[in-house]
Each structure stands twice: as structure tokens, then as C-alpha cells.
Amino acid sequence: MANPKRRHSKTRGRKRRTGTGLSKPGRTVCPRCDTVKEPHRVCPTCGYYANREVISMDKA
């Protein structure tokens, strides 16, 4: 295997790693109650997922 003859600078290594940062998680709007929620998750406000009630939310 080949080895580099000279060391790469800090800038060169950091330029290579510029695209590896974390991105923000996606958000969607619940079609039933119009609140912002994570995609493919049960809505924390109304308890519905794919137009089905998954969690019963008691209104006290």
C-alpha cells in the first residue's frame, strides 16, 4: 500500500470533511390538527397516524 510522502495540512483535511455535519430533522404538518410533527411518527397533539387513532388522547 502506498503511503503519502508528506503530511497533509490541517486545512486540506478539514476541506475534505466539510459535508459530514449533522442536518436538521425534517418536519411535516399533521393533516388532522395542523401542528408541526416529525415525519412517520404519531402526532403528539391528537394521537393520530395515517388517519387512524393510535393513542387515545383524553380531553380533561
N, C-alpha and C. Protein backbone atom coordinates (compact mmCIF):
# COMPACT_ATOMS: atom_id res chain seq x y z
N MET A 1 0.84 -1.19 0.00
CA MET A 1 0.00 0.00 0.00
C MET A 1 0.88 1.24 0.00
N ALA A 2 0.40 2.23 -0.70
CA ALA A 2 1.18 3.46 -0.80
C ALA A 2 0.94 4.35 0.41
N ASN A 3 1.99 5.00 0.86
CA ASN A 3 1.90 5.96 1.95
C ASN A 3 2.27 7.33 1.42
N PRO A 4 1.62 8.38 1.96
CA PRO A 4 1.97 9.72 1.50
C PRO A 4 3.38 10.10 1.93
N LYS A 5 4.08 10.79 1.04
CA LYS A 5 5.45 11.19 1.37
C LYS A 5 5.46 12.37 2.33
N ARG A 6 4.43 13.23 2.22
CA ARG A 6 4.37 14.38 3.10
C ARG A 6 3.00 14.43 3.79
N ARG A 7 3.00 15.08 4.90
CA ARG A 7 1.78 15.18 5.69
C ARG A 7 0.83 16.19 5.04
N HIS A 8 -0.49 15.86 5.06
CA HIS A 8 -1.47 16.81 4.56
C HIS A 8 -1.68 17.91 5.60
N SER A 9 -1.93 19.10 5.12
CA SER A 9 -2.14 20.22 6.04
C SER A 9 -3.50 20.08 6.74
N LYS A 10 -3.70 20.82 7.84
CA LYS A 10 -4.97 20.80 8.56
C LYS A 10 -6.10 21.30 7.68
N THR A 11 -5.80 22.31 6.88
CA THR A 11 -6.82 22.87 6.00
C THR A 11 -7.29 21.85 4.98
N ARG A 12 -6.38 21.09 4.43
CA ARG A 12 -6.74 20.10 3.41
C ARG A 12 -7.64 19.01 3.99
N GLY A 13 -7.31 18.56 5.19
CA GLY A 13 -8.15 17.55 5.84
C GLY A 13 -9.51 18.09 6.21
N ARG A 14 -9.58 19.32 6.67
CA ARG A 14 -10.85 19.92 7.06
C ARG A 14 -11.73 20.22 5.85
N LYS A 15 -11.11 20.57 4.72
CA LYS A 15 -11.89 20.79 3.49
C LYS A 15 -12.56 19.50 3.04
N ARG A 16 -11.90 18.39 3.26
CA ARG A 16 -12.45 17.10 2.86
C ARG A 16 -13.66 16.73 3.73
N ARG A 17 -13.68 17.20 4.96
CA ARG A 17 -14.75 16.82 5.88
C ARG A 17 -15.87 17.86 6.01
N THR A 18 -16.01 18.76 5.08
CA THR A 18 -16.99 19.83 5.22
C THR A 18 -18.43 19.34 5.13
N GLY A 19 -18.69 18.28 4.41
CA GLY A 19 -20.07 17.83 4.22
C GLY A 19 -20.54 16.80 5.21
N THR A 20 -19.78 16.54 6.26
CA THR A 20 -20.15 15.47 7.18
C THR A 20 -20.92 15.95 8.40
N GLY A 21 -21.33 17.20 8.44
CA GLY A 21 -22.05 17.73 9.59
C GLY A 21 -23.48 17.22 9.65
N LEU A 22 -24.11 17.38 10.82
CA LEU A 22 -25.48 16.96 11.00
C LEU A 22 -26.43 17.94 10.33
N SER A 23 -27.53 17.43 9.84
CA SER A 23 -28.55 18.29 9.25
C SER A 23 -29.77 18.30 10.16
N LYS A 24 -30.61 19.30 9.99
CA LYS A 24 -31.81 19.42 10.81
C LYS A 24 -32.80 18.31 10.44
N PRO A 25 -33.52 17.78 11.41
CA PRO A 25 -34.52 16.76 11.09
C PRO A 25 -35.69 17.38 10.33
N GLY A 26 -36.28 16.60 9.45
CA GLY A 26 -37.40 17.10 8.66
C GLY A 26 -38.64 17.26 9.51
N ARG A 27 -39.51 18.14 9.11
CA ARG A 27 -40.77 18.38 9.82
C ARG A 27 -41.91 18.32 8.82
N THR A 28 -43.06 17.83 9.26
CA THR A 28 -44.26 17.81 8.44
C THR A 28 -45.40 18.39 9.25
N VAL A 29 -46.52 18.61 8.59
CA VAL A 29 -47.71 19.14 9.25
C VAL A 29 -48.73 18.02 9.36
N CYS A 30 -49.31 17.88 10.54
CA CYS A 30 -50.34 16.85 10.76
C CYS A 30 -51.57 17.23 9.95
N PRO A 31 -52.11 16.34 9.13
CA PRO A 31 -53.27 16.68 8.31
C PRO A 31 -54.55 16.83 9.13
N ARG A 32 -54.55 16.32 10.34
CA ARG A 32 -55.76 16.35 11.15
C ARG A 32 -55.84 17.61 12.01
N CYS A 33 -54.74 17.97 12.68
CA CYS A 33 -54.79 19.10 13.61
C CYS A 33 -53.88 20.26 13.21
N ASP A 34 -53.16 20.13 12.10
CA ASP A 34 -52.30 21.20 11.55
C ASP A 34 -51.20 21.65 12.51
N THR A 35 -50.65 20.73 13.28
CA THR A 35 -49.49 21.05 14.10
C THR A 35 -48.25 20.45 13.46
N VAL A 36 -47.09 20.99 13.78
CA VAL A 36 -45.84 20.51 13.21
C VAL A 36 -45.41 19.27 13.98
N LYS A 37 -45.03 18.21 13.25
CA LYS A 37 -44.60 16.97 13.87
C LYS A 37 -43.49 16.35 13.05
N GLU A 38 -42.84 15.33 13.60
CA GLU A 38 -41.81 14.61 12.87
C GLU A 38 -42.47 13.65 11.88
N PRO A 39 -41.87 13.45 10.71
CA PRO A 39 -42.49 12.55 9.74
C PRO A 39 -42.44 11.10 10.20
N HIS A 40 -43.45 10.34 9.82
CA HIS A 40 -43.57 8.91 10.13
C HIS A 40 -43.65 8.66 11.63
N ARG A 41 -44.24 9.59 12.37
CA ARG A 41 -44.43 9.45 13.81
C ARG A 41 -45.89 9.77 14.14
N VAL A 42 -46.34 9.28 15.28
CA VAL A 42 -47.67 9.61 15.77
C VAL A 42 -47.68 11.07 16.19
N CYS A 43 -48.75 11.77 15.87
CA CYS A 43 -48.85 13.18 16.24
C CYS A 43 -48.98 13.28 17.77
N PRO A 44 -48.11 14.06 18.42
CA PRO A 44 -48.19 14.16 19.88
C PRO A 44 -49.39 14.96 20.37
N THR A 45 -50.04 15.72 19.49
CA THR A 45 -51.17 16.54 19.90
C THR A 45 -52.50 15.77 19.83
N CYS A 46 -52.74 15.12 18.69
CA CYS A 46 -54.03 14.45 18.53
C CYS A 46 -53.94 12.93 18.63
N GLY A 47 -52.74 12.34 18.52
CA GLY A 47 -52.59 10.89 18.66
C GLY A 47 -52.92 10.09 17.42
N TYR A 48 -52.99 10.75 16.26
CA TYR A 48 -53.34 10.05 15.02
C TYR A 48 -52.10 9.80 14.18
N TYR A 49 -52.14 8.69 13.42
CA TYR A 49 -51.10 8.38 12.44
C TYR A 49 -51.78 7.73 11.25
N ALA A 50 -51.59 8.27 10.07
CA ALA A 50 -52.17 7.76 8.82
C ALA A 50 -53.69 7.67 8.92
N ASN A 51 -54.30 8.74 9.43
CA ASN A 51 -55.75 8.84 9.58
C ASN A 51 -56.35 7.76 10.46
N ARG A 52 -55.56 7.21 11.38
CA ARG A 52 -56.05 6.24 12.36
C ARG A 52 -55.66 6.73 13.74
N GLU A 53 -56.54 6.53 14.71
CA GLU A 53 -56.21 6.89 16.08
C GLU A 53 -55.35 5.79 16.68
N VAL A 54 -54.12 6.14 17.02
CA VAL A 54 -53.19 5.17 17.59
C VAL A 54 -53.14 5.32 19.10
N ILE A 55 -53.12 6.55 19.58
CA ILE A 55 -53.09 6.84 21.00
C ILE A 55 -54.32 7.66 21.33
N SER A 56 -55.11 7.19 22.31
CA SER A 56 -56.28 7.97 22.68
C SER A 56 -55.84 9.10 23.60
N MET A 57 -56.16 10.32 23.20
CA MET A 57 -55.82 11.49 23.98
C MET A 57 -57.08 11.95 24.71
N ASP A 58 -57.12 11.71 26.03
CA ASP A 58 -58.27 12.11 26.82
C ASP A 58 -58.27 13.61 27.02
N LYS A 59 -59.38 14.22 26.73
CA LYS A 59 -59.51 15.66 26.90
C LYS A 59 -60.18 15.91 28.25
N ALA A 60 -59.36 16.33 29.21
CA ALA A 60 -59.89 16.55 30.56
C ALA A 60 -60.24 17.98 30.80
